[in-house]
Amino acid sequence: MTSQSQGIQQLLQAEKRAKDKLEEAKKRKGKRLKQAKEEATAEIDHYRLQREKEFRNKETNVMGSQGNLSAKIEEQTTEAVRNLTSSYHRNMESMMKKLLSTICDISPEIHPNFRPAV
């Protein structure tokens, strides 16, 4: 009977060691998962910062060229307005004379399609 009780004791001790090893393995696994998650988060943050930096560089390049285009368009518009204004002032007097002469100088005559009543 003592040999049976020793056998049972050995089995219980073996079971306890196995249980302890399982607990230890679970703890190691949890630590590894936590460490992997932290590493993945750090890698994601690094990648995100890198992509945002690239985006900002591209955005600066594009917006910078748009700023140049905007300045060129503004300059062209100002030049066109200046040309139209000078043309207006140059030609206003002669156009007013032409309009007034056309309106005021009336020479009454019979229309070519007029047929006198017979």
N, C-alpha and C. Protein backbone atom coordinates (compact mmCIF):
# COMPACT_ATOMS: atom_id res chain seq x y z
N MET A 1 0.80 -1.19 0.00
CA MET A 1 0.00 0.00 0.00
C MET A 1 0.85 1.26 0.00
N THR A 2 1.96 1.16 0.67
CA THR A 2 2.85 2.32 0.69
C THR A 2 3.42 2.59 -0.69
N SER A 3 3.62 1.52 -1.44
CA SER A 3 4.12 1.73 -2.79
C SER A 3 3.06 2.40 -3.65
N GLN A 4 1.79 2.05 -3.39
CA GLN A 4 0.70 2.71 -4.11
C GLN A 4 0.62 4.18 -3.72
N SER A 5 0.77 4.44 -2.43
CA SER A 5 0.67 5.81 -1.96
C SER A 5 1.87 6.61 -2.46
N GLN A 6 3.05 5.98 -2.55
CA GLN A 6 4.20 6.67 -3.12
C GLN A 6 3.96 6.94 -4.61
N GLY A 7 3.38 5.98 -5.29
CA GLY A 7 3.07 6.14 -6.71
C GLY A 7 2.08 7.27 -6.92
N ILE A 8 1.07 7.33 -6.04
CA ILE A 8 0.07 8.40 -6.14
C ILE A 8 0.72 9.75 -5.86
N GLN A 9 1.61 9.76 -4.83
CA GLN A 9 2.33 11.00 -4.50
C GLN A 9 3.18 11.47 -5.67
N GLN A 10 3.85 10.50 -6.30
CA GLN A 10 4.68 10.85 -7.46
C GLN A 10 3.81 11.39 -8.61
N LEU A 11 2.66 10.75 -8.80
CA LEU A 11 1.75 11.23 -9.85
C LEU A 11 1.25 12.64 -9.53
N LEU A 12 0.89 12.88 -8.27
CA LEU A 12 0.42 14.21 -7.88
C LEU A 12 1.52 15.26 -8.05
N GLN A 13 2.75 14.87 -7.67
CA GLN A 13 3.87 15.79 -7.82
C GLN A 13 4.14 16.07 -9.32
N ALA A 14 4.06 15.02 -10.12
CA ALA A 14 4.27 15.18 -11.56
C ALA A 14 3.17 16.07 -12.15
N GLU A 15 1.95 15.86 -11.69
CA GLU A 15 0.83 16.67 -12.16
C GLU A 15 1.04 18.13 -11.76
N LYS A 16 1.51 18.34 -10.54
CA LYS A 16 1.75 19.70 -10.06
C LYS A 16 2.86 20.37 -10.88
N ARG A 17 3.96 19.62 -11.17
CA ARG A 17 5.04 20.18 -11.99
C ARG A 17 4.53 20.52 -13.39
N ALA A 18 3.70 19.65 -13.94
CA ALA A 18 3.15 19.89 -15.27
C ALA A 18 2.26 21.14 -15.26
N LYS A 19 1.48 21.25 -14.19
CA LYS A 19 0.60 22.42 -14.05
C LYS A 19 1.43 23.69 -13.92
N ASP A 20 2.51 23.62 -13.14
CA ASP A 20 3.39 24.79 -12.98
C ASP A 20 4.03 25.17 -14.31
N LYS A 21 4.48 24.13 -15.06
CA LYS A 21 5.09 24.40 -16.37
C LYS A 21 4.07 25.03 -17.32
N LEU A 22 2.82 24.55 -17.25
CA LEU A 22 1.77 25.12 -18.09
C LEU A 22 1.54 26.59 -17.75
N GLU A 23 1.47 26.89 -16.46
CA GLU A 23 1.27 28.27 -16.02
C GLU A 23 2.43 29.15 -16.47
N GLU A 24 3.63 28.62 -16.33
CA GLU A 24 4.81 29.36 -16.75
C GLU A 24 4.80 29.60 -18.26
N ALA A 25 4.40 28.59 -19.02
CA ALA A 25 4.32 28.72 -20.48
C ALA A 25 3.26 29.75 -20.87
N LYS A 26 2.13 29.73 -20.16
CA LYS A 26 1.07 30.71 -20.43
C LYS A 26 1.58 32.12 -20.16
N LYS A 27 2.33 32.30 -19.07
CA LYS A 27 2.87 33.61 -18.74
C LYS A 27 3.86 34.07 -19.81
N ARG A 28 4.74 33.14 -20.25
CA ARG A 28 5.71 33.49 -21.29
C ARG A 28 4.98 33.87 -22.59
N LYS A 29 3.94 33.10 -22.90
CA LYS A 29 3.17 33.38 -24.12
C LYS A 29 2.52 34.75 -24.03
N GLY A 30 1.94 35.06 -22.86
CA GLY A 30 1.32 36.38 -22.65
C GLY A 30 2.34 37.50 -22.80
N LYS A 31 3.54 37.29 -22.23
CA LYS A 31 4.59 38.30 -22.35
C LYS A 31 5.02 38.48 -23.81
N ARG A 32 5.17 37.34 -24.52
CA ARG A 32 5.56 37.42 -25.93
C ARG A 32 4.50 38.14 -26.75
N LEU A 33 3.23 37.84 -26.49
CA LEU A 33 2.16 38.51 -27.22
C LEU A 33 2.16 40.01 -26.94
N LYS A 34 2.35 40.36 -25.68
CA LYS A 34 2.38 41.77 -25.31
C LYS A 34 3.57 42.46 -25.98
N GLN A 35 4.72 41.82 -25.97
CA GLN A 35 5.91 42.39 -26.59
C GLN A 35 5.71 42.52 -28.10
N ALA A 36 5.12 41.51 -28.73
CA ALA A 36 4.87 41.56 -30.18
C ALA A 36 3.90 42.69 -30.51
N LYS A 37 2.89 42.86 -29.66
CA LYS A 37 1.92 43.93 -29.89
C LYS A 37 2.60 45.30 -29.78
N GLU A 38 3.47 45.47 -28.79
CA GLU A 38 4.18 46.74 -28.63
C GLU A 38 5.10 47.00 -29.81
N GLU A 39 5.80 45.95 -30.28
CA GLU A 39 6.68 46.11 -31.43
C GLU A 39 5.88 46.47 -32.68
N ALA A 40 4.73 45.82 -32.85
CA ALA A 40 3.89 46.11 -34.02
C ALA A 40 3.37 47.55 -33.95
N THR A 41 2.97 47.99 -32.77
CA THR A 41 2.49 49.35 -32.61
C THR A 41 3.60 50.35 -32.93
N ALA A 42 4.81 50.07 -32.43
CA ALA A 42 5.94 50.96 -32.72
C ALA A 42 6.23 50.99 -34.22
N GLU A 43 6.18 49.83 -34.86
CA GLU A 43 6.44 49.77 -36.30
C GLU A 43 5.37 50.52 -37.08
N ILE A 44 4.11 50.37 -36.67
CA ILE A 44 3.00 51.07 -37.32
C ILE A 44 3.18 52.58 -37.16
N ASP A 45 3.53 53.02 -35.96
CA ASP A 45 3.74 54.45 -35.73
C ASP A 45 4.88 54.98 -36.60
N HIS A 46 5.96 54.23 -36.68
CA HIS A 46 7.10 54.64 -37.50
C HIS A 46 6.68 54.75 -38.97
N TYR A 47 5.96 53.75 -39.46
CA TYR A 47 5.49 53.75 -40.85
C TYR A 47 4.56 54.93 -41.11
N ARG A 48 3.64 55.18 -40.17
CA ARG A 48 2.68 56.28 -40.31
C ARG A 48 3.41 57.62 -40.37
N LEU A 49 4.39 57.82 -39.49
CA LEU A 49 5.16 59.07 -39.50
C LEU A 49 5.91 59.24 -40.82
N GLN A 50 6.48 58.15 -41.31
CA GLN A 50 7.21 58.20 -42.57
C GLN A 50 6.27 58.58 -43.72
N ARG A 51 5.11 57.96 -43.80
CA ARG A 51 4.15 58.25 -44.87
C ARG A 51 3.61 59.68 -44.76
N GLU A 52 3.35 60.15 -43.53
CA GLU A 52 2.87 61.51 -43.35
C GLU A 52 3.94 62.51 -43.80
N LYS A 53 5.20 62.22 -43.52
CA LYS A 53 6.29 63.10 -43.94
C LYS A 53 6.34 63.15 -45.47
N GLU A 54 6.25 61.99 -46.12
CA GLU A 54 6.24 61.95 -47.58
C GLU A 54 5.05 62.72 -48.14
N PHE A 55 3.89 62.56 -47.50
CA PHE A 55 2.69 63.26 -47.95
C PHE A 55 2.87 64.77 -47.84
N ARG A 56 3.42 65.22 -46.70
CA ARG A 56 3.64 66.65 -46.51
C ARG A 56 4.61 67.20 -47.55
N ASN A 57 5.65 66.43 -47.87
CA ASN A 57 6.60 66.87 -48.90
C ASN A 57 5.92 67.01 -50.25
N LYS A 58 5.13 66.00 -50.62
CA LYS A 58 4.41 66.06 -51.90
C LYS A 58 3.41 67.20 -51.91
N GLU A 59 2.71 67.37 -50.80
CA GLU A 59 1.73 68.44 -50.68
C GLU A 59 2.40 69.80 -50.84
N THR A 60 3.57 69.96 -50.21
CA THR A 60 4.31 71.21 -50.32
C THR A 60 4.72 71.47 -51.76
N ASN A 61 5.19 70.43 -52.43
CA ASN A 61 5.57 70.58 -53.83
C ASN A 61 4.39 71.00 -54.69
N VAL A 62 3.25 70.33 -54.50
CA VAL A 62 2.07 70.63 -55.31
C VAL A 62 1.51 72.00 -54.97
N MET A 63 1.38 72.30 -53.69
CA MET A 63 0.81 73.57 -53.29
C MET A 63 1.75 74.72 -53.67
N GLY A 64 3.04 74.47 -53.63
CA GLY A 64 4.00 75.49 -54.02
C GLY A 64 3.83 75.84 -55.49
N SER A 65 3.66 74.83 -56.33
CA SER A 65 3.47 75.09 -57.75
C SER A 65 2.12 75.75 -57.99
N GLN A 66 1.12 75.40 -57.21
CA GLN A 66 -0.18 76.06 -57.35
C GLN A 66 -0.07 77.52 -56.95
N GLY A 67 0.73 77.80 -55.93
CA GLY A 67 0.93 79.18 -55.53
C GLY A 67 1.57 79.98 -56.65
N ASN A 68 2.53 79.40 -57.35
CA ASN A 68 3.16 80.07 -58.49
C ASN A 68 2.15 80.29 -59.61
N LEU A 69 1.32 79.29 -59.88
CA LEU A 69 0.29 79.43 -60.90
C LEU A 69 -0.69 80.53 -60.53
N SER A 70 -1.05 80.57 -59.28
CA SER A 70 -1.99 81.58 -58.82
C SER A 70 -1.40 82.98 -59.00
N ALA A 71 -0.14 83.14 -58.68
CA ALA A 71 0.52 84.43 -58.83
C ALA A 71 0.59 84.81 -60.31
N LYS A 72 0.89 83.84 -61.18
CA LYS A 72 0.95 84.12 -62.62
C LYS A 72 -0.42 84.54 -63.15
N ILE A 73 -1.46 83.83 -62.74
CA ILE A 73 -2.82 84.15 -63.19
C ILE A 73 -3.22 85.53 -62.70
N GLU A 74 -2.90 85.84 -61.47
CA GLU A 74 -3.21 87.16 -60.92
C GLU A 74 -2.50 88.25 -61.70
N GLU A 75 -1.24 88.02 -62.04
CA GLU A 75 -0.47 88.99 -62.81
C GLU A 75 -1.06 89.18 -64.20
N GLN A 76 -1.44 88.07 -64.86
CA GLN A 76 -2.04 88.15 -66.19
C GLN A 76 -3.36 88.90 -66.15
N THR A 77 -4.16 88.63 -65.13
CA THR A 77 -5.45 89.30 -64.99
C THR A 77 -5.25 90.79 -64.80
N THR A 78 -4.32 91.18 -63.96
CA THR A 78 -4.04 92.59 -63.72
C THR A 78 -3.59 93.26 -65.01
N GLU A 79 -2.73 92.59 -65.76
CA GLU A 79 -2.25 93.14 -67.03
C GLU A 79 -3.41 93.31 -68.02
N ALA A 80 -4.30 92.32 -68.10
CA ALA A 80 -5.44 92.40 -69.02
C ALA A 80 -6.36 93.56 -68.63
N VAL A 81 -6.61 93.72 -67.34
CA VAL A 81 -7.47 94.82 -66.88
C VAL A 81 -6.81 96.16 -67.21
N ARG A 82 -5.52 96.26 -67.01
CA ARG A 82 -4.79 97.49 -67.32
C ARG A 82 -4.88 97.81 -68.82
N ASN A 83 -4.72 96.79 -69.66
CA ASN A 83 -4.81 97.00 -71.12
C ASN A 83 -6.22 97.44 -71.53
N LEU A 84 -7.23 96.80 -70.96
CA LEU A 84 -8.61 97.18 -71.28
C LEU A 84 -8.92 98.60 -70.84
N THR A 85 -8.44 98.98 -69.68
CA THR A 85 -8.68 100.33 -69.17
C THR A 85 -8.02 101.37 -70.07
N SER A 86 -6.77 101.10 -70.45
CA SER A 86 -6.08 102.07 -71.32
C SER A 86 -6.76 102.14 -72.69
N SER A 87 -7.20 101.00 -73.21
CA SER A 87 -7.91 100.98 -74.49
C SER A 87 -9.22 101.76 -74.39
N TYR A 88 -9.91 101.60 -73.30
CA TYR A 88 -11.16 102.32 -73.06
C TYR A 88 -10.90 103.82 -73.09
N HIS A 89 -9.90 104.28 -72.37
CA HIS A 89 -9.63 105.72 -72.31
C HIS A 89 -9.16 106.26 -73.66
N ARG A 90 -8.42 105.47 -74.43
CA ARG A 90 -7.96 105.91 -75.75
C ARG A 90 -9.12 106.05 -76.74
N ASN A 91 -10.03 105.08 -76.71
CA ASN A 91 -11.07 105.02 -77.73
C ASN A 91 -12.41 105.61 -77.32
N MET A 92 -12.56 106.04 -76.09
CA MET A 92 -13.85 106.53 -75.62
C MET A 92 -14.29 107.77 -76.39
N GLU A 93 -13.40 108.73 -76.57
CA GLU A 93 -13.76 109.99 -77.22
C GLU A 93 -14.22 109.78 -78.66
N SER A 94 -13.46 108.98 -79.41
CA SER A 94 -13.83 108.77 -80.82
C SER A 94 -15.14 107.98 -80.91
N MET A 95 -15.36 107.00 -80.05
CA MET A 95 -16.61 106.23 -80.08
C MET A 95 -17.81 107.10 -79.72
N MET A 96 -17.64 107.99 -78.75
CA MET A 96 -18.75 108.88 -78.37
C MET A 96 -19.10 109.79 -79.56
N LYS A 97 -18.09 110.30 -80.25
CA LYS A 97 -18.36 111.15 -81.42
C LYS A 97 -19.09 110.37 -82.49
N LYS A 98 -18.68 109.12 -82.75
CA LYS A 98 -19.34 108.30 -83.76
C LYS A 98 -20.79 108.02 -83.37
N LEU A 99 -21.01 107.67 -82.10
CA LEU A 99 -22.39 107.40 -81.66
C LEU A 99 -23.26 108.64 -81.76
N LEU A 100 -22.75 109.76 -81.30
CA LEU A 100 -23.54 110.99 -81.35
C LEU A 100 -23.82 111.41 -82.78
N SER A 101 -22.83 111.28 -83.67
CA SER A 101 -23.07 111.67 -85.07
C SER A 101 -24.09 110.74 -85.71
N THR A 102 -24.04 109.45 -85.38
CA THR A 102 -25.01 108.51 -85.95
C THR A 102 -26.41 108.82 -85.45
N ILE A 103 -26.52 109.16 -84.19
CA ILE A 103 -27.85 109.41 -83.60
C ILE A 103 -28.38 110.79 -83.99
N CYS A 104 -27.53 111.80 -83.93
CA CYS A 104 -28.00 113.18 -84.10
C CYS A 104 -28.05 113.63 -85.57
N ASP A 105 -27.20 113.16 -86.40
CA ASP A 105 -27.19 113.59 -87.80
C ASP A 105 -28.17 112.74 -88.60
N ILE A 106 -29.39 113.24 -88.69
CA ILE A 106 -30.45 112.51 -89.39
C ILE A 106 -30.69 113.21 -90.72
N SER A 107 -30.66 112.46 -91.76
CA SER A 107 -31.01 113.03 -93.07
C SER A 107 -32.29 112.33 -93.53
N PRO A 108 -33.41 113.03 -93.51
CA PRO A 108 -34.67 112.41 -93.91
C PRO A 108 -34.70 112.11 -95.41
N GLU A 109 -35.03 110.91 -95.74
CA GLU A 109 -35.18 110.51 -97.14
C GLU A 109 -36.20 109.39 -97.20
N ILE A 110 -36.73 109.17 -98.35
CA ILE A 110 -37.75 108.15 -98.55
C ILE A 110 -37.05 106.80 -98.65
N HIS A 111 -37.65 105.86 -98.03
CA HIS A 111 -37.10 104.51 -98.00
C HIS A 111 -37.20 103.91 -99.40
N PRO A 112 -36.19 103.15 -99.81
CA PRO A 112 -36.22 102.60 -101.16
C PRO A 112 -37.39 101.65 -101.43
N ASN A 113 -37.94 101.06 -100.45
CA ASN A 113 -39.06 100.12 -100.64
C ASN A 113 -40.43 100.80 -100.63
N PHE A 114 -40.40 102.09 -100.41
CA PHE A 114 -41.69 102.80 -100.38
C PHE A 114 -42.28 102.87 -101.77
N ARG A 115 -43.61 102.54 -101.86
CA ARG A 115 -44.33 102.64 -103.14
C ARG A 115 -45.45 103.64 -102.94
N PRO A 116 -45.42 104.63 -103.73
CA PRO A 116 -46.53 105.61 -103.60
C PRO A 116 -47.87 105.00 -104.05
N ALA A 117 -48.89 105.41 -103.42
CA ALA A 117 -50.21 104.91 -103.77
C ALA A 117 -50.61 105.44 -105.13
N VAL A 118 -51.01 104.58 -105.99
CA VAL A 118 -51.34 104.98 -107.35
C VAL A 118 -52.81 105.28 -107.48
